[in-house]
Amino acid sequence: MRAHHVRLTTFIHATEDEDKVLEAIGTFIPEDINDDDVLFDIAETQGFFGNPIKVVNVEIKRSKAVRRFLDHFKKLLNERDKAYLLDHLDEKIDEEGTLYVRFNKQKAYLGEAEIDEGDDVIQVRIKVKAFPMKKESVMKAVREWLSE
């Protein structure tokens, strides 16, 4: 499978240790990716009740770095999570060809990747390259990639 770019997003709540959350998101970034290929942004905002929240956005765009990310990402997935993605592929891919996967932030801090549909997650968005660029072709590419 090939992809145009990858984006990871998570939130740092006032009650959380920022370094630990950044370490959790680091679980998904392969060590052999050049730092220049990883765009990191932390924006400060407020929650519904005025509580401070930081939004962490990470983007990987260069094709070599994206390929390394995809290899690393696939190795992080256990068989149960691969099966879950295959079973829910239709709801995990949008009409623009983006694959959405959410991971448990606490487990990621421990170096584990566990798919989680809860609120305290790291969201990974992969903009898949497929031809023609239709949801069906993207689903086929992801299905083949996860089944390899």
N, C-alpha and C. Protein backbone atom coordinates (compact mmCIF):
# COMPACT_ATOMS: atom_id res chain seq x y z
N MET A 1 0.85 -1.18 0.00
CA MET A 1 0.00 0.00 0.00
C MET A 1 0.89 1.23 0.00
N ARG A 2 0.43 2.25 -0.69
CA ARG A 2 1.14 3.52 -0.71
C ARG A 2 0.21 4.60 -0.17
N ALA A 3 0.83 5.68 0.32
CA ALA A 3 0.02 6.77 0.88
C ALA A 3 0.66 8.11 0.55
N HIS A 4 -0.19 9.12 0.46
CA HIS A 4 0.26 10.49 0.20
C HIS A 4 0.90 11.09 1.45
N HIS A 5 0.21 10.95 2.58
CA HIS A 5 0.70 11.49 3.85
C HIS A 5 0.00 10.81 5.00
N VAL A 6 0.55 11.06 6.18
CA VAL A 6 0.01 10.49 7.41
C VAL A 6 -0.13 11.62 8.42
N ARG A 7 -1.23 11.60 9.17
CA ARG A 7 -1.41 12.59 10.24
C ARG A 7 -1.79 11.86 11.52
N LEU A 8 -1.19 12.28 12.62
CA LEU A 8 -1.53 11.76 13.94
C LEU A 8 -1.99 12.93 14.78
N THR A 9 -3.05 12.71 15.54
CA THR A 9 -3.59 13.77 16.38
C THR A 9 -3.98 13.20 17.74
N THR A 10 -3.70 13.97 18.79
CA THR A 10 -4.18 13.63 20.12
C THR A 10 -4.31 14.89 20.93
N PHE A 11 -4.89 14.76 22.11
CA PHE A 11 -5.09 15.89 23.00
C PHE A 11 -4.28 15.68 24.27
N ILE A 12 -3.79 16.79 24.82
CA ILE A 12 -3.13 16.76 26.13
C ILE A 12 -4.03 17.57 27.06
N HIS A 13 -4.64 16.87 28.00
CA HIS A 13 -5.51 17.53 28.97
C HIS A 13 -4.66 18.08 30.12
N ALA A 14 -5.21 19.03 30.83
CA ALA A 14 -4.47 19.69 31.93
C ALA A 14 -4.01 18.68 32.97
N THR A 15 -4.73 17.58 33.12
CA THR A 15 -4.39 16.57 34.13
C THR A 15 -3.31 15.60 33.64
N GLU A 16 -2.89 15.72 32.38
CA GLU A 16 -1.92 14.78 31.82
C GLU A 16 -0.52 15.38 31.77
N ASP A 17 0.46 14.50 31.81
CA ASP A 17 1.86 14.88 31.68
C ASP A 17 2.18 15.00 30.19
N GLU A 18 2.52 16.20 29.74
CA GLU A 18 2.77 16.44 28.32
C GLU A 18 3.85 15.51 27.76
N ASP A 19 4.94 15.32 28.50
CA ASP A 19 6.03 14.46 28.03
C ASP A 19 5.55 13.03 27.80
N LYS A 20 4.68 12.55 28.68
CA LYS A 20 4.17 11.18 28.54
C LYS A 20 3.27 11.06 27.31
N VAL A 21 2.47 12.07 27.05
CA VAL A 21 1.60 12.03 25.88
C VAL A 21 2.45 12.07 24.60
N LEU A 22 3.50 12.89 24.61
CA LEU A 22 4.38 12.96 23.44
C LEU A 22 5.13 11.63 23.25
N GLU A 23 5.48 10.99 24.35
CA GLU A 23 6.11 9.67 24.27
C GLU A 23 5.13 8.65 23.69
N ALA A 24 3.87 8.75 24.07
CA ALA A 24 2.84 7.85 23.54
C ALA A 24 2.70 8.01 22.03
N ILE A 25 2.67 9.23 21.56
CA ILE A 25 2.54 9.46 20.11
C ILE A 25 3.81 8.99 19.39
N GLY A 26 4.94 9.06 20.08
CA GLY A 26 6.21 8.59 19.52
C GLY A 26 6.22 7.11 19.23
N THR A 27 5.36 6.34 19.88
CA THR A 27 5.25 4.91 19.62
C THR A 27 4.97 4.64 18.15
N PHE A 28 4.26 5.55 17.50
CA PHE A 28 3.84 5.35 16.11
C PHE A 28 4.83 5.90 15.09
N ILE A 29 5.86 6.59 15.56
CA ILE A 29 6.82 7.20 14.64
C ILE A 29 8.11 6.37 14.65
N PRO A 30 8.45 5.75 13.53
CA PRO A 30 9.65 4.91 13.48
C PRO A 30 10.91 5.73 13.78
N GLU A 31 11.85 5.11 14.46
CA GLU A 31 13.08 5.81 14.83
C GLU A 31 13.92 6.18 13.61
N ASP A 32 13.78 5.44 12.51
CA ASP A 32 14.63 5.69 11.33
C ASP A 32 14.07 6.76 10.40
N ILE A 33 13.04 7.47 10.85
CA ILE A 33 12.54 8.61 10.07
C ILE A 33 13.32 9.84 10.49
N ASN A 34 13.79 10.58 9.51
CA ASN A 34 14.53 11.82 9.75
C ASN A 34 13.61 12.83 10.43
N ASP A 35 14.11 13.50 11.45
CA ASP A 35 13.32 14.49 12.18
C ASP A 35 12.74 15.57 11.25
N ASP A 36 13.46 15.89 10.18
CA ASP A 36 12.99 16.91 9.24
C ASP A 36 11.73 16.46 8.48
N ASP A 37 11.48 15.16 8.46
CA ASP A 37 10.32 14.62 7.74
C ASP A 37 9.07 14.56 8.62
N VAL A 38 9.21 14.91 9.89
CA VAL A 38 8.09 14.86 10.82
C VAL A 38 7.74 16.29 11.25
N LEU A 39 6.58 16.76 10.85
CA LEU A 39 6.13 18.11 11.21
C LEU A 39 5.30 18.00 12.48
N PHE A 40 5.74 18.68 13.51
CA PHE A 40 5.12 18.61 14.83
C PHE A 40 4.49 19.95 15.16
N ASP A 41 3.26 19.94 15.63
CA ASP A 41 2.60 21.18 16.02
C ASP A 41 1.78 20.94 17.28
N ILE A 42 1.91 21.83 18.24
CA ILE A 42 1.09 21.76 19.45
C ILE A 42 0.36 23.10 19.58
N ALA A 43 -0.97 23.03 19.54
CA ALA A 43 -1.79 24.24 19.65
C ALA A 43 -2.53 24.22 20.98
N GLU A 44 -2.62 25.38 21.60
CA GLU A 44 -3.33 25.48 22.87
C GLU A 44 -4.75 25.99 22.61
N THR A 45 -5.69 25.35 23.29
CA THR A 45 -7.10 25.74 23.16
C THR A 45 -7.79 25.51 24.50
N GLN A 46 -9.10 25.64 24.51
CA GLN A 46 -9.86 25.43 25.74
C GLN A 46 -10.95 24.40 25.51
N GLY A 47 -11.22 23.64 26.56
CA GLY A 47 -12.30 22.66 26.51
C GLY A 47 -13.63 23.34 26.74
N PHE A 48 -14.67 22.56 26.77
CA PHE A 48 -16.04 23.05 26.92
C PHE A 48 -16.21 23.88 28.20
N PHE A 49 -15.53 23.50 29.26
CA PHE A 49 -15.67 24.20 30.55
C PHE A 49 -14.53 25.18 30.81
N GLY A 50 -13.83 25.56 29.73
CA GLY A 50 -12.74 26.54 29.87
C GLY A 50 -11.42 25.93 30.31
N ASN A 51 -11.37 24.61 30.42
CA ASN A 51 -10.13 23.95 30.82
C ASN A 51 -9.11 23.98 29.67
N PRO A 52 -7.83 24.17 30.00
CA PRO A 52 -6.81 24.22 28.96
C PRO A 52 -6.58 22.84 28.34
N ILE A 53 -6.50 22.81 27.03
CA ILE A 53 -6.23 21.58 26.27
C ILE A 53 -5.21 21.92 25.20
N LYS A 54 -4.26 21.02 25.01
CA LYS A 54 -3.30 21.17 23.91
C LYS A 54 -3.65 20.12 22.86
N VAL A 55 -3.61 20.53 21.61
CA VAL A 55 -3.87 19.63 20.50
C VAL A 55 -2.53 19.35 19.81
N VAL A 56 -2.16 18.08 19.77
CA VAL A 56 -0.91 17.68 19.14
C VAL A 56 -1.22 17.15 17.74
N ASN A 57 -0.58 17.74 16.74
CA ASN A 57 -0.71 17.28 15.36
C ASN A 57 0.67 16.93 14.83
N VAL A 58 0.78 15.75 14.26
CA VAL A 58 2.03 15.30 13.66
C VAL A 58 1.71 14.95 12.22
N GLU A 59 2.57 15.38 11.30
CA GLU A 59 2.34 15.07 9.89
C GLU A 59 3.62 14.55 9.26
N ILE A 60 3.46 13.50 8.47
CA ILE A 60 4.58 12.92 7.72
C ILE A 60 4.16 12.97 6.26
N LYS A 61 4.96 13.67 5.44
CA LYS A 61 4.56 13.89 4.04
C LYS A 61 5.49 13.24 3.02
N ARG A 62 6.78 13.28 3.24
CA ARG A 62 7.71 12.78 2.23
C ARG A 62 7.52 11.28 2.02
N SER A 63 7.53 10.87 0.75
CA SER A 63 7.15 9.49 0.42
C SER A 63 8.03 8.44 1.11
N LYS A 64 9.33 8.67 1.22
CA LYS A 64 10.21 7.70 1.88
C LYS A 64 9.83 7.56 3.36
N ALA A 65 9.57 8.67 4.00
CA ALA A 65 9.18 8.65 5.42
C ALA A 65 7.81 8.01 5.60
N VAL A 66 6.90 8.28 4.67
CA VAL A 66 5.56 7.68 4.74
C VAL A 66 5.66 6.16 4.59
N ARG A 67 6.52 5.69 3.67
CA ARG A 67 6.70 4.24 3.51
C ARG A 67 7.25 3.62 4.79
N ARG A 68 8.21 4.30 5.41
CA ARG A 68 8.77 3.78 6.68
C ARG A 68 7.69 3.75 7.76
N PHE A 69 6.88 4.81 7.79
CA PHE A 69 5.78 4.84 8.76
C PHE A 69 4.84 3.65 8.54
N LEU A 70 4.43 3.42 7.29
CA LEU A 70 3.48 2.34 6.99
C LEU A 70 4.04 0.98 7.39
N ASP A 71 5.33 0.75 7.14
CA ASP A 71 5.96 -0.51 7.54
C ASP A 71 5.91 -0.67 9.06
N HIS A 72 6.28 0.39 9.76
CA HIS A 72 6.28 0.39 11.23
C HIS A 72 4.86 0.20 11.77
N PHE A 73 3.92 0.94 11.20
CA PHE A 73 2.52 0.89 11.62
C PHE A 73 1.97 -0.54 11.52
N LYS A 74 2.24 -1.18 10.38
CA LYS A 74 1.73 -2.53 10.17
C LYS A 74 2.33 -3.50 11.18
N LYS A 75 3.61 -3.33 11.52
CA LYS A 75 4.26 -4.21 12.51
C LYS A 75 3.67 -4.01 13.90
N LEU A 76 3.17 -2.81 14.19
CA LEU A 76 2.55 -2.54 15.49
C LEU A 76 1.22 -3.26 15.68
N LEU A 77 0.52 -3.53 14.58
CA LEU A 77 -0.81 -4.13 14.65
C LEU A 77 -0.72 -5.62 14.95
N ASN A 78 -1.47 -6.07 15.96
CA ASN A 78 -1.54 -7.51 16.21
C ASN A 78 -2.63 -8.10 15.31
N GLU A 79 -2.74 -9.42 15.30
CA GLU A 79 -3.70 -10.09 14.42
C GLU A 79 -5.14 -9.69 14.75
N ARG A 80 -5.45 -9.50 16.02
CA ARG A 80 -6.82 -9.12 16.42
C ARG A 80 -7.18 -7.73 15.85
N ASP A 81 -6.22 -6.79 15.94
CA ASP A 81 -6.49 -5.45 15.42
C ASP A 81 -6.58 -5.44 13.90
N LYS A 82 -5.75 -6.24 13.24
CA LYS A 82 -5.86 -6.34 11.77
C LYS A 82 -7.23 -6.88 11.39
N ALA A 83 -7.68 -7.93 12.10
CA ALA A 83 -9.00 -8.51 11.83
C ALA A 83 -10.11 -7.48 12.08
N TYR A 84 -9.96 -6.70 13.16
CA TYR A 84 -10.95 -5.65 13.47
C TYR A 84 -11.02 -4.63 12.33
N LEU A 85 -9.85 -4.19 11.86
CA LEU A 85 -9.84 -3.22 10.76
C LEU A 85 -10.48 -3.81 9.50
N LEU A 86 -10.13 -5.04 9.17
CA LEU A 86 -10.72 -5.68 7.99
C LEU A 86 -12.24 -5.78 8.12
N ASP A 87 -12.72 -6.10 9.31
CA ASP A 87 -14.16 -6.23 9.53
C ASP A 87 -14.89 -4.89 9.48
N HIS A 88 -14.18 -3.80 9.80
CA HIS A 88 -14.81 -2.48 9.87
C HIS A 88 -14.26 -1.49 8.83
N LEU A 89 -13.66 -2.03 7.78
CA LEU A 89 -13.00 -1.19 6.79
C LEU A 89 -13.93 -0.14 6.18
N ASP A 90 -15.16 -0.52 5.92
CA ASP A 90 -16.10 0.41 5.29
C ASP A 90 -16.30 1.67 6.12
N GLU A 91 -16.32 1.53 7.44
CA GLU A 91 -16.52 2.70 8.30
C GLU A 91 -15.21 3.39 8.67
N LYS A 92 -14.08 2.79 8.33
CA LYS A 92 -12.77 3.36 8.66
C LYS A 92 -12.17 4.16 7.50
N ILE A 93 -12.80 4.10 6.34
CA ILE A 93 -12.30 4.81 5.16
C ILE A 93 -13.37 5.76 4.66
N ASP A 94 -12.97 7.03 4.44
CA ASP A 94 -13.95 8.00 3.95
C ASP A 94 -13.93 8.07 2.42
N GLU A 95 -14.79 8.91 1.87
CA GLU A 95 -14.93 9.03 0.41
C GLU A 95 -13.69 9.64 -0.25
N GLU A 96 -12.84 10.33 0.53
CA GLU A 96 -11.62 10.94 -0.04
C GLU A 96 -10.44 9.98 0.02
N GLY A 97 -10.65 8.77 0.54
CA GLY A 97 -9.58 7.78 0.57
C GLY A 97 -8.68 7.85 1.80
N THR A 98 -9.20 8.36 2.90
CA THR A 98 -8.43 8.43 4.14
C THR A 98 -8.85 7.30 5.06
N LEU A 99 -7.86 6.57 5.57
CA LEU A 99 -8.08 5.51 6.54
C LEU A 99 -7.92 6.11 7.93
N TYR A 100 -8.91 5.91 8.78
CA TYR A 100 -8.91 6.44 10.15
C TYR A 100 -8.79 5.29 11.14
N VAL A 101 -7.79 5.38 12.02
CA VAL A 101 -7.63 4.37 13.06
C VAL A 101 -7.32 5.09 14.36
N ARG A 102 -8.01 4.69 15.43
CA ARG A 102 -7.80 5.31 16.74
C ARG A 102 -7.17 4.28 17.68
N PHE A 103 -6.18 4.77 18.45
CA PHE A 103 -5.44 3.90 19.35
C PHE A 103 -5.53 4.41 20.79
N ASN A 104 -5.53 3.47 21.72
CA ASN A 104 -5.55 3.78 23.14
C ASN A 104 -4.27 4.53 23.52
N LYS A 105 -4.43 5.73 24.05
CA LYS A 105 -3.28 6.59 24.38
C LYS A 105 -2.46 6.01 25.53
N GLN A 106 -3.12 5.44 26.53
CA GLN A 106 -2.41 4.86 27.68
C GLN A 106 -1.54 3.69 27.26
N LYS A 107 -2.09 2.82 26.41
CA LYS A 107 -1.33 1.66 25.92
C LYS A 107 -0.16 2.13 25.05
N ALA A 108 -0.39 3.17 24.25
CA ALA A 108 0.68 3.70 23.39
C ALA A 108 1.85 4.20 24.23
N TYR A 109 1.55 4.79 25.38
CA TYR A 109 2.62 5.24 26.29
C TYR A 109 3.48 4.06 26.73
N LEU A 110 2.86 2.89 26.84
CA LEU A 110 3.58 1.68 27.24
C LEU A 110 4.24 1.00 26.03
N GLY A 111 4.15 1.64 24.86
CA GLY A 111 4.78 1.10 23.66
C GLY A 111 3.92 0.10 22.91
N GLU A 112 2.64 0.01 23.26
CA GLU A 112 1.73 -0.93 22.61
C GLU A 112 0.73 -0.17 21.74
N ALA A 113 0.37 -0.78 20.63
CA ALA A 113 -0.66 -0.20 19.77
C ALA A 113 -1.91 -1.04 19.90
N GLU A 114 -2.95 -0.46 20.49
CA GLU A 114 -4.21 -1.19 20.64
C GLU A 114 -5.33 -0.30 20.12
N ILE A 115 -6.05 -0.80 19.13
CA ILE A 115 -7.17 -0.03 18.58
C ILE A 115 -8.20 0.20 19.67
N ASP A 116 -8.73 1.43 19.71
CA ASP A 116 -9.66 1.82 20.76
C ASP A 116 -10.63 2.84 20.16
N GLU A 117 -11.89 2.65 20.40
CA GLU A 117 -12.90 3.57 19.89
C GLU A 117 -13.35 4.58 20.95
N GLY A 118 -12.62 4.66 22.05
CA GLY A 118 -12.98 5.58 23.13
C GLY A 118 -12.57 7.01 22.84
N ASP A 119 -12.53 7.83 23.90
CA ASP A 119 -12.23 9.25 23.76
C ASP A 119 -10.75 9.58 23.96
N ASP A 120 -10.06 8.82 24.80
CA ASP A 120 -8.67 9.12 25.13
C ASP A 120 -7.75 8.36 24.18
N VAL A 121 -7.67 8.88 22.95
CA VAL A 121 -7.00 8.13 21.88
C VAL A 121 -5.99 8.99 21.12
N ILE A 122 -5.19 8.29 20.33
CA ILE A 122 -4.35 8.91 19.31
C ILE A 122 -4.98 8.51 17.99
N GLN A 123 -5.36 9.50 17.21
CA GLN A 123 -5.99 9.21 15.93
C GLN A 123 -4.92 9.23 14.84
N VAL A 124 -4.91 8.18 14.02
CA VAL A 124 -4.00 8.09 12.89
C VAL A 124 -4.85 8.18 11.63
N ARG A 125 -4.48 9.10 10.74
CA ARG A 125 -5.18 9.25 9.46
C ARG A 125 -4.16 9.03 8.35
N ILE A 126 -4.45 8.06 7.50
CA ILE A 126 -3.55 7.73 6.39
C ILE A 126 -4.28 8.03 5.08
N LYS A 127 -3.75 8.96 4.30
CA LYS A 127 -4.33 9.30 3.00
C LYS A 127 -3.74 8.33 1.97
N VAL A 128 -4.54 7.33 1.63
CA VAL A 128 -4.09 6.22 0.80
C VAL A 128 -4.03 6.63 -0.67
N LYS A 129 -2.99 6.13 -1.38
CA LYS A 129 -2.89 6.31 -2.83
C LYS A 129 -3.56 5.11 -3.48
N ALA A 130 -4.52 5.35 -4.33
CA ALA A 130 -5.18 4.27 -5.05
C ALA A 130 -5.67 4.82 -6.38
N PHE A 131 -5.79 3.93 -7.37
CA PHE A 131 -6.31 4.34 -8.66
C PHE A 131 -7.35 3.34 -9.10
N PRO A 132 -8.52 3.78 -9.50
CA PRO A 132 -8.97 5.18 -9.41
C PRO A 132 -9.22 5.56 -7.95
N MET A 133 -9.16 6.86 -7.65
CA MET A 133 -9.32 7.33 -6.28
C MET A 133 -10.79 7.27 -5.89
N LYS A 134 -11.21 6.06 -5.57
CA LYS A 134 -12.57 5.84 -5.10
C LYS A 134 -12.48 4.99 -3.84
N LYS A 135 -13.47 5.10 -3.00
CA LYS A 135 -13.47 4.37 -1.73
C LYS A 135 -13.23 2.87 -1.94
N GLU A 136 -13.84 2.30 -2.97
CA GLU A 136 -13.71 0.87 -3.23
C GLU A 136 -12.26 0.49 -3.51
N SER A 137 -11.54 1.30 -4.32
CA SER A 137 -10.14 0.97 -4.63
C SER A 137 -9.26 1.13 -3.41
N VAL A 138 -9.57 2.12 -2.58
CA VAL A 138 -8.81 2.32 -1.34
C VAL A 138 -9.04 1.14 -0.41
N MET A 139 -10.28 0.71 -0.28
CA MET A 139 -10.60 -0.44 0.57
C MET A 139 -9.85 -1.68 0.09
N LYS A 140 -9.81 -1.87 -1.22
CA LYS A 140 -9.11 -3.02 -1.79
C LYS A 140 -7.62 -2.95 -1.45
N ALA A 141 -7.01 -1.78 -1.61
CA ALA A 141 -5.58 -1.61 -1.33
C ALA A 141 -5.27 -1.88 0.15
N VAL A 142 -6.10 -1.36 1.04
CA VAL A 142 -5.89 -1.56 2.47
C VAL A 142 -6.11 -3.02 2.84
N ARG A 143 -7.14 -3.63 2.29
CA ARG A 143 -7.43 -5.05 2.55
C ARG A 143 -6.23 -5.91 2.14
N GLU A 144 -5.69 -5.68 0.96
CA GLU A 144 -4.54 -6.46 0.49
C GLU A 144 -3.33 -6.22 1.38
N TRP A 145 -3.10 -4.97 1.75
CA TRP A 145 -1.96 -4.61 2.60
C TRP A 145 -2.04 -5.29 3.97
N LEU A 146 -3.21 -5.28 4.58
CA LEU A 146 -3.37 -5.89 5.90
C LEU A 146 -3.31 -7.42 5.83
N SER A 147 -3.63 -7.98 4.67
CA SER A 147 -3.65 -9.44 4.54
C SER A 147 -2.30 -10.03 4.14
N GLU A 148 -1.36 -9.19 3.76
CA GLU A 148 -0.04 -9.69 3.32
C GLU A 148 0.70 -10.38 4.43
